[in-house]
Amino acid sequence: MTEIHFRSRHESGNIFVILAMVRQELRRQHRITEYNELWENVQKGDYENALRLIRQKVNLIDDDGIF
C-alpha cells in the first residue's frame, strides 16, 4: 500500500493538502474513480473520520504522531 506522510501540526495536516497528495497518488495509479468516491465521503464527516476513510485507500502516516 502506498505511503503518504503528513504533519498534523503543520500545513500538510490540512485535510485539503492531504487529499491533494492522495489524489496525485491515486491518479498516478489510475485509481481516480476511487479518489472521487473518497472525496464525496470525506465531505460528509469531520477531520478524524476523513483520516479514517483516507487510510482505507493509502497508508497515511502522521510524522507528528498525533493521528
N, C-alpha and C. Protein backbone atom coordinates (compact mmCIF):
# COMPACT_ATOMS: atom_id res chain seq x y z
N MET A 1 0.85 -1.18 0.00
CA MET A 1 0.00 0.00 0.00
C MET A 1 0.89 1.24 0.00
N THR A 2 0.49 2.22 -0.74
CA THR A 2 1.23 3.46 -0.88
C THR A 2 1.27 4.23 0.44
N GLU A 3 2.43 4.77 0.79
CA GLU A 3 2.59 5.59 1.99
C GLU A 3 2.52 7.06 1.62
N ILE A 4 1.76 7.80 2.41
CA ILE A 4 1.71 9.25 2.29
C ILE A 4 1.95 9.83 3.67
N HIS A 5 2.97 10.67 3.77
CA HIS A 5 3.34 11.29 5.04
C HIS A 5 2.76 12.70 5.12
N PHE A 6 2.33 13.07 6.33
CA PHE A 6 1.87 14.42 6.59
C PHE A 6 2.26 14.78 8.02
N ARG A 7 2.18 16.04 8.34
CA ARG A 7 2.45 16.51 9.71
C ARG A 7 1.22 17.26 10.19
N SER A 8 0.51 16.64 11.13
CA SER A 8 -0.78 17.18 11.57
C SER A 8 -0.67 18.56 12.19
N ARG A 9 0.46 18.94 12.69
CA ARG A 9 0.63 20.25 13.31
C ARG A 9 1.12 21.32 12.33
N HIS A 10 1.21 20.98 11.08
CA HIS A 10 1.73 21.90 10.08
C HIS A 10 0.77 21.98 8.90
N GLU A 11 1.13 22.76 7.91
CA GLU A 11 0.28 22.95 6.74
C GLU A 11 -0.10 21.62 6.08
N SER A 12 0.80 20.68 6.07
CA SER A 12 0.50 19.40 5.42
C SER A 12 -0.57 18.61 6.16
N GLY A 13 -0.95 19.05 7.35
CA GLY A 13 -2.03 18.41 8.11
C GLY A 13 -3.41 18.89 7.70
N ASN A 14 -3.47 19.91 6.88
CA ASN A 14 -4.75 20.40 6.38
C ASN A 14 -5.39 19.31 5.52
N ILE A 15 -6.64 19.02 5.75
CA ILE A 15 -7.30 17.91 5.06
C ILE A 15 -7.26 18.08 3.55
N PHE A 16 -7.32 19.31 3.07
CA PHE A 16 -7.28 19.54 1.62
C PHE A 16 -5.89 19.28 1.05
N VAL A 17 -4.86 19.55 1.83
CA VAL A 17 -3.49 19.24 1.40
C VAL A 17 -3.31 17.72 1.35
N ILE A 18 -3.81 17.04 2.37
CA ILE A 18 -3.73 15.57 2.40
C ILE A 18 -4.48 14.99 1.21
N LEU A 19 -5.68 15.49 0.96
CA LEU A 19 -6.46 14.99 -0.18
C LEU A 19 -5.76 15.24 -1.51
N ALA A 20 -5.07 16.34 -1.62
CA ALA A 20 -4.33 16.63 -2.86
C ALA A 20 -3.21 15.60 -3.06
N MET A 21 -2.53 15.24 -1.98
CA MET A 21 -1.47 14.23 -2.07
C MET A 21 -2.06 12.87 -2.44
N VAL A 22 -3.20 12.54 -1.83
CA VAL A 22 -3.86 11.26 -2.12
C VAL A 22 -4.34 11.25 -3.57
N ARG A 23 -4.91 12.36 -4.01
CA ARG A 23 -5.39 12.43 -5.40
C ARG A 23 -4.24 12.22 -6.38
N GLN A 24 -3.14 12.88 -6.13
CA GLN A 24 -1.98 12.73 -7.01
C GLN A 24 -1.53 11.28 -7.09
N GLU A 25 -1.46 10.62 -5.94
CA GLU A 25 -1.01 9.23 -5.91
C GLU A 25 -2.01 8.29 -6.56
N LEU A 26 -3.28 8.44 -6.24
CA LEU A 26 -4.29 7.56 -6.83
C LEU A 26 -4.42 7.80 -8.34
N ARG A 27 -4.26 9.02 -8.75
CA ARG A 27 -4.28 9.31 -10.19
C ARG A 27 -3.10 8.62 -10.88
N ARG A 28 -1.95 8.66 -10.26
CA ARG A 28 -0.77 8.01 -10.82
C ARG A 28 -1.00 6.50 -10.97
N GLN A 29 -1.79 5.95 -10.05
CA GLN A 29 -2.09 4.52 -10.07
C GLN A 29 -3.35 4.19 -10.89
N HIS A 30 -3.87 5.18 -11.58
CA HIS A 30 -5.10 5.01 -12.39
C HIS A 30 -6.28 4.58 -11.52
N ARG A 31 -6.39 5.17 -10.34
CA ARG A 31 -7.46 4.87 -9.39
C ARG A 31 -8.28 6.13 -9.09
N ILE A 32 -8.48 6.96 -10.10
CA ILE A 32 -9.15 8.24 -9.89
C ILE A 32 -10.61 8.07 -9.49
N THR A 33 -11.26 7.02 -9.95
CA THR A 33 -12.65 6.76 -9.54
C THR A 33 -12.72 6.53 -8.03
N GLU A 34 -11.75 5.79 -7.50
CA GLU A 34 -11.69 5.57 -6.05
C GLU A 34 -11.51 6.90 -5.32
N TYR A 35 -10.67 7.77 -5.87
CA TYR A 35 -10.47 9.08 -5.25
C TYR A 35 -11.76 9.88 -5.25
N ASN A 36 -12.47 9.88 -6.36
CA ASN A 36 -13.72 10.64 -6.45
C ASN A 36 -14.73 10.17 -5.41
N GLU A 37 -14.82 8.87 -5.21
CA GLU A 37 -15.72 8.33 -4.18
C GLU A 37 -15.24 8.75 -2.79
N LEU A 38 -13.93 8.69 -2.58
CA LEU A 38 -13.35 9.11 -1.31
C LEU A 38 -13.68 10.58 -1.03
N TRP A 39 -13.50 11.43 -2.03
CA TRP A 39 -13.79 12.86 -1.89
C TRP A 39 -15.23 13.08 -1.45
N GLU A 40 -16.16 12.38 -2.06
CA GLU A 40 -17.58 12.52 -1.69
C GLU A 40 -17.80 12.13 -0.23
N ASN A 41 -17.20 11.03 0.20
CA ASN A 41 -17.39 10.55 1.57
C ASN A 41 -16.69 11.41 2.60
N VAL A 42 -15.54 11.94 2.28
CA VAL A 42 -14.79 12.78 3.22
C VAL A 42 -15.56 14.06 3.54
N GLN A 43 -16.28 14.58 2.59
CA GLN A 43 -17.03 15.83 2.80
C GLN A 43 -18.16 15.68 3.81
N LYS A 44 -18.54 14.47 4.10
CA LYS A 44 -19.69 14.23 4.99
C LYS A 44 -19.33 14.15 6.46
N GLY A 45 -18.03 14.16 6.79
CA GLY A 45 -17.66 13.95 8.19
C GLY A 45 -16.65 14.95 8.69
N ASP A 46 -16.13 14.64 9.87
CA ASP A 46 -15.13 15.51 10.50
C ASP A 46 -13.71 15.06 10.11
N TYR A 47 -12.73 15.75 10.65
CA TYR A 47 -11.32 15.52 10.31
C TYR A 47 -10.90 14.08 10.60
N GLU A 48 -11.20 13.60 11.79
CA GLU A 48 -10.78 12.25 12.17
C GLU A 48 -11.45 11.20 11.29
N ASN A 49 -12.71 11.38 10.97
CA ASN A 49 -13.39 10.45 10.08
C ASN A 49 -12.77 10.50 8.68
N ALA A 50 -12.41 11.69 8.23
CA ALA A 50 -11.77 11.83 6.92
C ALA A 50 -10.45 11.06 6.90
N LEU A 51 -9.67 11.17 7.95
CA LEU A 51 -8.41 10.43 8.01
C LEU A 51 -8.65 8.93 7.99
N ARG A 52 -9.67 8.49 8.70
CA ARG A 52 -10.01 7.06 8.72
C ARG A 52 -10.36 6.58 7.32
N LEU A 53 -11.16 7.35 6.60
CA LEU A 53 -11.55 6.98 5.24
C LEU A 53 -10.35 6.96 4.29
N ILE A 54 -9.49 7.96 4.43
CA ILE A 54 -8.30 8.04 3.58
C ILE A 54 -7.39 6.84 3.84
N ARG A 55 -7.30 6.43 5.09
CA ARG A 55 -6.44 5.29 5.44
C ARG A 55 -6.93 3.97 4.84
N GLN A 56 -8.15 3.94 4.38
CA GLN A 56 -8.64 2.75 3.69
C GLN A 56 -8.06 2.65 2.29
N LYS A 57 -7.55 3.75 1.76
CA LYS A 57 -7.01 3.78 0.40
C LYS A 57 -5.48 3.82 0.37
N VAL A 58 -4.87 4.49 1.34
CA VAL A 58 -3.41 4.62 1.40
C VAL A 58 -2.94 4.47 2.84
N ASN A 59 -1.66 4.20 3.00
CA ASN A 59 -1.06 4.15 4.33
C ASN A 59 -0.68 5.58 4.70
N LEU A 60 -1.52 6.23 5.48
CA LEU A 60 -1.36 7.63 5.84
C LEU A 60 -0.60 7.72 7.16
N ILE A 61 0.54 8.38 7.14
CA ILE A 61 1.42 8.43 8.30
C ILE A 61 1.58 9.87 8.77
N ASP A 62 1.22 10.09 10.04
CA ASP A 62 1.38 11.40 10.65
C ASP A 62 2.77 11.46 11.29
N ASP A 63 3.66 12.21 10.70
CA ASP A 63 5.02 12.32 11.21
C ASP A 63 5.09 13.06 12.55
N ASP A 64 4.00 13.74 12.94
CA ASP A 64 3.94 14.37 14.26
C ASP A 64 3.43 13.38 15.31
N GLY A 65 2.92 12.24 14.88
CA GLY A 65 2.49 11.18 15.79
C GLY A 65 1.19 11.44 16.53
N ILE A 66 0.38 12.37 16.07
CA ILE A 66 -0.88 12.68 16.74
C ILE A 66 -2.02 11.82 16.23
N PHE A 67 -2.09 11.67 14.92
CA PHE A 67 -3.15 10.88 14.30
C PHE A 67 -2.55 9.66 13.70
